[in-house]
C-alpha cells in the first residue's frame, strides 16, 4: 500500500484556555503590571497567574473562590505549562481581587485587541458577518442592558430593592465583529436612558445604532441626529404622535404600516422637532410573529430595511 500524499494533521492536547493564553504576548501582562503598580502588591501570586485564573473562572462559569481554587489545584501540571502559572489559594485570590488595580484587565483587553488587529487586519473589522443578512457599508452598533442579580449582604453598593441587590450592565456591541467597544456596570436603580449618552458617546457620523425602547430619550436622539448618526429604536407603547404622511397603509409581507410622523406632546416637540419615520412590522421571535413598532431618523430607507435592522 502507498502512503497518502496528505497525512492526517497532528493531534494536540491544547485546551481552550491555553489557546487563549497563547494569543496574549508574553511581555504584555508584566509590562501592564509595572505600569499599574500591581507587581508591587504581588509576592507569591503573580499578575500573570491572576490573569490565567480569571480567564479560567470565566470559561468554566465558576460560582465561587472554592470552585476556582480547587479546580486549578487539581490541574497544577497543565497550568504550569502556561508560562509558569501557579494555582491560587483562597487567601491569595480573594485579596488580589479586592485590592489589585482593575485597570490592568481593561488595558489588557484593548492591548490584545490591537495586537490581534495587527496580526490580522480584518479581525474586528470584517463586514461579512454570517449573522448579518443585510449588507451595509456603515458600522452597526446594538445597545442594550442586562440586570445581574447579586447578594445584598455582600454587595451593599448595589442595593436594588429591600432585600435584593443588582448591578446593570449597559453594553454597546459592534455587529460587524461582535466585540463590545464600550460597557458600563452600575447599580440597577437608574433608568436605562440615564446612561444612553455615555454609551453612545463614541459613535461616529454615518454609523448606525440600534436601541432598545428603554433607551428612547428624544433629546438624546436629536443630538445623535445632529451628529450625523442614524438610529433605529423600538417605540414605547405610550408614544403620542401625529401622522404627517402615509407611505404604506396596507400590509406588504411582514410590514404592516409605514408613516412619517411628528411628536405630539409639547415636551416631546421641544426635545425633537424634526420629522420621524415609524414602521410597524411583524417580527419573528422564538418561532412566533410579534408586532413591533420602530422609529428612525433615516427617511430614505425602505420599511423592510428598518425592520431587518
Protein backbone atom coordinates (compact mmCIF):
# COMPACT_ATOMS: atom_id res chain seq x y z
CA UNK A 1 0.00 0.00 0.00
CA UNK A 2 1.17 3.52 -0.80
CA UNK A 3 1.15 6.23 1.81
CA UNK A 4 -1.32 9.02 1.42
CA UNK A 5 0.04 12.25 -0.06
CA UNK A 6 -1.88 14.22 2.55
CA UNK A 7 -1.20 12.79 6.03
CA UNK A 8 -3.63 13.48 8.84
CA UNK A 9 -2.82 16.58 10.91
CA UNK A 10 -1.03 16.03 14.22
CA UNK A 11 -3.37 15.89 17.18
CA UNK A 12 -2.63 18.15 20.10
CA UNK A 13 -3.78 18.44 23.69
CA UNK A 14 -4.20 22.23 23.79
CA UNK A 15 -7.13 23.33 25.88
CA UNK A 16 -9.25 26.37 25.06
CA UNK A 17 -7.61 28.19 27.99
CA UNK A 18 -4.13 27.51 26.60
CA UNK A 19 -5.13 28.65 23.11
CA UNK A 20 -6.43 31.94 24.55
CA UNK A 21 -3.31 32.45 26.66
CA UNK A 22 -1.12 31.89 23.59
CA UNK A 23 -2.82 34.87 21.93
CA UNK A 24 -1.57 37.19 24.72
CA UNK A 25 2.01 38.42 24.09
CA UNK A 26 4.37 37.15 26.79
CA UNK A 27 5.69 40.62 27.67
CA UNK A 28 2.28 42.32 27.91
CA UNK A 29 1.00 41.34 31.36
CA UNK A 30 4.31 42.05 33.19
CA UNK A 31 4.54 45.40 31.38
CA UNK A 32 0.99 46.40 32.39
CA UNK A 33 1.59 45.14 35.94
CA UNK A 34 4.53 47.53 36.27
CA UNK A 35 2.56 50.39 34.71
CA UNK A 36 -0.39 49.92 37.09
CA UNK A 37 1.89 49.04 40.05
CA UNK A 38 0.15 45.70 40.52
CA UNK A 39 3.53 43.94 40.64
CA UNK A 40 4.31 45.81 43.89
CA UNK A 41 1.37 44.01 45.56
CA UNK A 42 2.27 40.59 44.15
CA UNK A 43 4.50 38.22 46.11
CA UNK A 44 3.69 34.56 45.57
CA UNK A 45 0.66 35.08 43.31
CA UNK A 46 1.94 36.76 40.15
CA UNK A 47 -0.18 39.04 37.91
CA UNK A 48 0.09 36.51 35.08
CA UNK A 49 -1.25 33.72 37.33
CA UNK A 50 -4.06 36.08 38.35
CA UNK A 51 -4.99 36.72 34.68
CA UNK A 52 -4.97 32.99 33.90
CA UNK A 53 -7.13 32.33 36.96
CA UNK A 54 -9.72 34.91 35.92
CA UNK A 55 -9.80 33.53 32.37
CA UNK A 56 -10.34 30.03 33.77
CA UNK A 57 -13.16 31.25 36.03
CA UNK A 58 -14.87 32.92 33.08
CA UNK A 59 -14.55 29.92 30.74
CA UNK A 60 -15.77 27.39 33.30
CA UNK A 61 -18.58 29.57 34.74
CA UNK A 62 -17.15 29.12 38.22
CA UNK A 63 -19.52 30.04 41.04
CA UNK A 64 -17.03 30.90 43.81
CA UNK A 65 -13.46 31.01 45.08
CA UNK A 66 -13.55 27.40 46.24
CA UNK A 67 -14.61 26.24 42.79
CA UNK A 68 -11.75 28.09 41.08
CA UNK A 69 -9.01 27.24 43.57
CA UNK A 70 -9.86 23.54 43.87
CA UNK A 71 -10.12 23.02 40.10
CA UNK A 72 -6.81 24.76 39.34
CA UNK A 73 -5.03 22.93 42.15
CA UNK A 74 -6.08 19.62 40.60
CA UNK A 75 -4.75 20.86 37.24
CA UNK A 76 -1.49 22.34 38.51
CA UNK A 77 0.55 20.30 35.99
CA UNK A 78 -1.11 21.60 32.78
CA UNK A 79 -1.38 25.02 34.42
CA UNK A 80 2.41 25.28 34.84
CA UNK A 81 2.76 24.86 31.07
CA UNK A 82 1.02 28.26 30.66
CA UNK A 83 4.25 30.27 31.14
CA UNK A 84 4.70 29.02 34.69
CA UNK A 85 1.28 29.98 36.02
CA UNK A 86 0.52 28.68 39.52
CA UNK A 87 -2.83 27.79 41.11
CA UNK A 88 -4.06 30.30 43.69
CA UNK A 89 -5.04 29.70 47.28
CA UNK A 90 -8.16 31.23 48.77
CA UNK A 91 -6.01 33.58 50.86
CA UNK A 92 -4.26 34.81 47.70
CA UNK A 93 -7.14 35.08 45.25
CA UNK A 94 -9.57 36.96 47.46
CA UNK A 95 -7.19 39.84 48.40
CA UNK A 96 -5.94 40.01 44.80
CA UNK A 97 -9.49 40.51 43.52
CA UNK A 98 -10.20 43.12 46.18
CA UNK A 99 -7.04 45.24 46.13
CA UNK A 100 -5.30 44.94 42.76
CA UNK A 101 -5.97 47.68 40.22
CA UNK A 102 -8.74 46.57 37.86
CA UNK A 103 -7.41 48.86 35.12
CA UNK A 104 -4.84 46.17 34.32
CA UNK A 105 -7.62 43.95 32.95
CA UNK A 106 -9.11 46.83 30.96
CA UNK A 107 -5.77 47.81 29.42
CA UNK A 108 -5.01 44.16 28.71
CA UNK A 109 -8.23 43.79 26.72
CA UNK A 110 -7.54 46.80 24.48
CA UNK A 111 -3.87 45.89 24.06
CA UNK A 112 -4.66 42.31 22.99
CA UNK A 113 -7.35 43.61 20.63
CA UNK A 114 -4.84 45.96 18.95
CA UNK A 115 -2.31 43.10 18.82
CA UNK A 116 -4.78 40.83 17.02
CA UNK A 117 -5.70 43.62 14.62
CA UNK A 118 -2.01 43.96 13.79
CA UNK A 119 -1.69 40.24 13.11
CA UNK A 120 -4.91 40.05 11.12
CA UNK A 121 -6.02 43.46 9.80
CA UNK A 122 -9.54 42.21 9.06
CA UNK A 123 -10.03 40.98 12.63
CA UNK A 124 -12.70 43.06 14.41
CA UNK A 125 -13.40 44.90 11.19
CA UNK A 126 -14.94 42.46 8.75
CA UNK A 127 -18.31 43.38 7.30
CA UNK A 128 -19.07 39.84 6.20
CA UNK A 129 -20.68 38.50 9.35
CA UNK A 130 -22.74 35.40 8.65
CA UNK A 131 -25.46 36.54 11.03
CA UNK A 132 -25.91 39.79 9.14
CA UNK A 133 -28.30 39.05 6.32
CA UNK A 134 -28.36 42.65 5.25
CA UNK A 135 -25.40 44.46 3.73
CA UNK A 136 -24.43 47.93 4.88
CA UNK A 137 -21.28 49.90 4.22
CA UNK A 138 -21.73 51.50 7.63
CA UNK A 139 -20.75 50.23 11.07
CA UNK A 140 -23.77 48.97 13.02
CA UNK A 141 -23.96 49.04 16.82
CA UNK A 142 -26.52 47.47 19.15
CA UNK A 143 -27.16 48.98 22.60
CA UNK A 144 -28.95 47.10 25.36
CA UNK A 145 -28.69 46.36 29.06
CA UNK A 146 -28.92 43.35 31.33
CA UNK A 147 -29.51 43.10 35.08
CA UNK A 148 -27.13 40.98 37.16
CA UNK A 149 -28.61 39.66 40.39
CA UNK A 150 -26.27 39.93 43.39
CA UNK A 151 -26.27 39.04 47.08
CA UNK A 152 -27.49 42.05 49.07
CA UNK A 153 -25.48 41.22 52.18
CA UNK A 154 -22.21 41.23 50.19
CA UNK A 155 -22.91 43.98 47.65
CA UNK A 156 -24.37 46.82 49.69
CA UNK A 157 -23.40 49.36 46.99
CA UNK A 158 -25.80 47.68 44.54
CA UNK A 159 -28.97 47.62 46.63
CA UNK A 160 -31.89 47.41 44.24
CA UNK A 161 -34.84 46.58 46.47
CA UNK A 162 -35.30 46.00 50.19
CA UNK A 163 -33.68 42.57 50.29
CA UNK A 164 -32.18 42.38 46.82
CA UNK A 165 -29.07 43.72 45.15
CA UNK A 166 -28.42 44.02 41.45
CA UNK A 167 -25.99 45.59 39.01
CA UNK A 168 -26.86 46.64 35.48
CA UNK A 169 -24.54 46.26 32.51
CA UNK A 170 -25.05 48.72 29.64
CA UNK A 171 -23.33 47.39 26.53
CA UNK A 172 -22.65 48.68 23.03
CA UNK A 173 -21.92 45.82 20.63
CA UNK A 174 -20.30 46.19 17.22
CA UNK A 175 -22.33 43.87 14.99
CA UNK A 176 -19.58 43.62 12.36
CA UNK A 177 -17.11 41.92 14.71
CA UNK A 178 -19.38 41.09 17.69
CA UNK A 179 -16.98 42.79 20.12
CA UNK A 180 -18.10 45.36 22.73
CA UNK A 181 -16.36 48.74 22.25
CA UNK A 182 -17.97 50.15 25.39
CA UNK A 183 -19.67 48.92 28.57
CA UNK A 184 -20.86 50.44 31.85
CA UNK A 185 -21.56 48.44 35.01
CA UNK A 186 -23.60 50.43 37.50
CA UNK A 187 -26.35 50.00 40.08
CA UNK A 188 -29.71 48.86 38.72
CA UNK A 189 -31.80 51.61 40.30
CA UNK A 190 -31.34 54.09 37.42
CA UNK A 191 -33.38 54.01 34.21
CA UNK A 192 -31.57 52.95 31.05
CA UNK A 193 -31.96 56.29 29.28
CA UNK A 194 -29.84 57.94 32.01
CA UNK A 195 -26.84 56.13 30.54
CA UNK A 196 -27.76 56.50 26.86
CA UNK A 197 -25.48 59.47 26.20
CA UNK A 198 -22.45 57.79 27.75
CA UNK A 199 -22.96 54.52 25.89
CA UNK A 200 -23.34 56.33 22.54
CA UNK A 201 -20.61 58.93 23.12
CA UNK A 202 -18.08 57.09 20.93
CA UNK A 203 -20.28 56.79 17.85
CA UNK A 204 -19.11 58.47 14.65
CA UNK A 205 -21.02 60.27 11.92
CA UNK A 206 -22.58 57.88 9.40
CA UNK A 207 -22.77 54.91 11.79
CA UNK A 208 -26.00 53.13 12.78
CA UNK A 209 -27.09 52.38 16.33
CA UNK A 210 -29.93 50.01 17.28
CA UNK A 211 -31.53 50.80 20.64
CA UNK A 212 -33.96 49.08 22.95
CA UNK A 213 -37.03 51.16 23.76
CA UNK A 214 -35.78 51.73 27.32
CA UNK A 215 -33.06 53.98 25.85
CA UNK A 216 -35.52 56.24 24.00
CA UNK A 217 -34.77 59.82 25.04
CA UNK A 218 -35.83 62.27 22.34
CA UNK A 219 -33.37 64.95 23.45
CA UNK A 220 -30.54 62.43 23.08
CA UNK A 221 -31.90 61.13 19.77
CA UNK A 222 -31.99 64.67 18.40
CA UNK A 223 -28.38 65.13 19.50
CA UNK A 224 -27.43 61.93 17.63
CA UNK A 225 -29.22 63.28 14.56
CA UNK A 226 -27.18 66.49 14.70
CA UNK A 227 -24.00 64.40 14.91
CA UNK A 228 -24.95 62.56 11.70
CA UNK A 229 -25.70 59.23 13.38
CA UNK A 230 -28.62 57.08 12.21
CA UNK A 231 -30.65 55.26 14.85
CA UNK A 232 -33.41 52.62 14.95
CA UNK A 233 -35.04 52.12 18.38
CA UNK A 234 -38.24 50.36 19.29
CA UNK A 235 -41.00 52.81 20.09
CA UNK A 236 -42.51 53.00 23.56
CA UNK A 237 -46.09 51.82 23.98
CA UNK A 238 -47.28 55.27 25.10
CA UNK A 239 -45.81 57.16 22.13
CA UNK A 240 -48.04 60.10 21.17
CA UNK A 241 -47.56 61.29 17.59
CA UNK A 242 -49.33 62.76 14.58
CA UNK A 243 -49.08 61.23 11.10
CA UNK A 244 -47.73 63.69 8.51
CA UNK A 245 -47.62 61.36 5.52
CA UNK A 246 -48.56 57.72 4.98
CA UNK A 247 -46.05 55.82 2.88
CA UNK A 248 -47.68 52.43 3.30
CA UNK A 249 -51.09 51.78 4.80
CA UNK A 250 -51.68 48.19 3.64
CA UNK A 251 -49.79 45.11 4.65
CA UNK A 252 -46.93 44.06 2.36
CA UNK A 253 -45.15 40.97 3.59
CA UNK A 254 -44.30 41.48 7.25
CA UNK A 255 -44.64 45.29 7.03
CA UNK A 256 -47.99 46.43 8.36
CA UNK A 257 -47.60 50.19 8.08
CA UNK A 258 -45.02 52.92 7.40
CA UNK A 259 -45.58 56.61 8.17
CA UNK A 260 -43.83 59.93 8.58
CA UNK A 261 -44.74 61.35 11.97
CA UNK A 262 -44.11 64.27 14.31
CA UNK A 263 -44.29 64.09 18.08
CA UNK A 264 -47.48 65.37 19.65
CA UNK A 265 -46.83 66.48 23.22
CA UNK A 266 -45.27 69.86 23.95
CA UNK A 267 -42.33 68.36 25.84
CA UNK A 268 -41.51 65.87 23.10
CA UNK A 269 -41.76 68.56 20.41
CA UNK A 270 -39.35 70.74 22.38
CA UNK A 271 -36.87 67.87 22.59
CA UNK A 272 -37.31 66.62 19.00
CA UNK A 273 -38.95 68.92 16.47
CA UNK A 274 -37.99 67.12 13.24
CA UNK A 275 -39.93 64.50 11.25
CA UNK A 276 -39.55 60.85 12.25
CA UNK A 277 -40.13 57.60 10.39
CA UNK A 278 -42.39 55.00 12.05
CA UNK A 279 -42.57 51.40 10.82
CA UNK A 280 -44.95 48.79 12.22
CA UNK A 281 -43.87 45.26 11.33
CA UNK A 282 -44.26 41.62 12.28
CA UNK A 283 -41.03 40.21 13.69
CA UNK A 284 -40.37 36.52 14.38
CA UNK A 285 -39.25 35.92 17.96
CA UNK A 286 -38.81 32.34 19.22
CA UNK A 287 -40.96 30.99 16.40
CA UNK A 288 -43.81 33.46 16.98
CA UNK A 289 -44.67 36.56 14.96
CA UNK A 290 -44.91 39.64 17.20
CA UNK A 291 -45.98 43.12 16.16
CA UNK A 292 -43.31 45.73 16.85
CA UNK A 293 -43.05 49.46 16.18
CA UNK A 294 -39.76 51.04 15.16
CA UNK A 295 -38.59 54.65 14.83
CA UNK A 296 -35.74 56.06 12.76
CA UNK A 297 -34.33 59.37 11.62
CA UNK A 298 -33.36 57.93 8.21
CA UNK A 299 -36.24 58.80 5.87
CA UNK A 300 -34.89 57.13 2.70
CA UNK A 301 -34.53 53.53 3.85
CA UNK A 302 -37.24 51.08 2.90
CA UNK A 303 -39.55 49.80 5.63
CA UNK A 304 -38.15 46.29 5.09
CA UNK A 305 -34.62 47.54 5.78
CA UNK A 306 -35.67 49.16 9.04
CA UNK A 307 -37.45 46.01 10.19
CA UNK A 308 -34.43 43.90 9.21
CA UNK A 309 -32.16 46.10 11.32
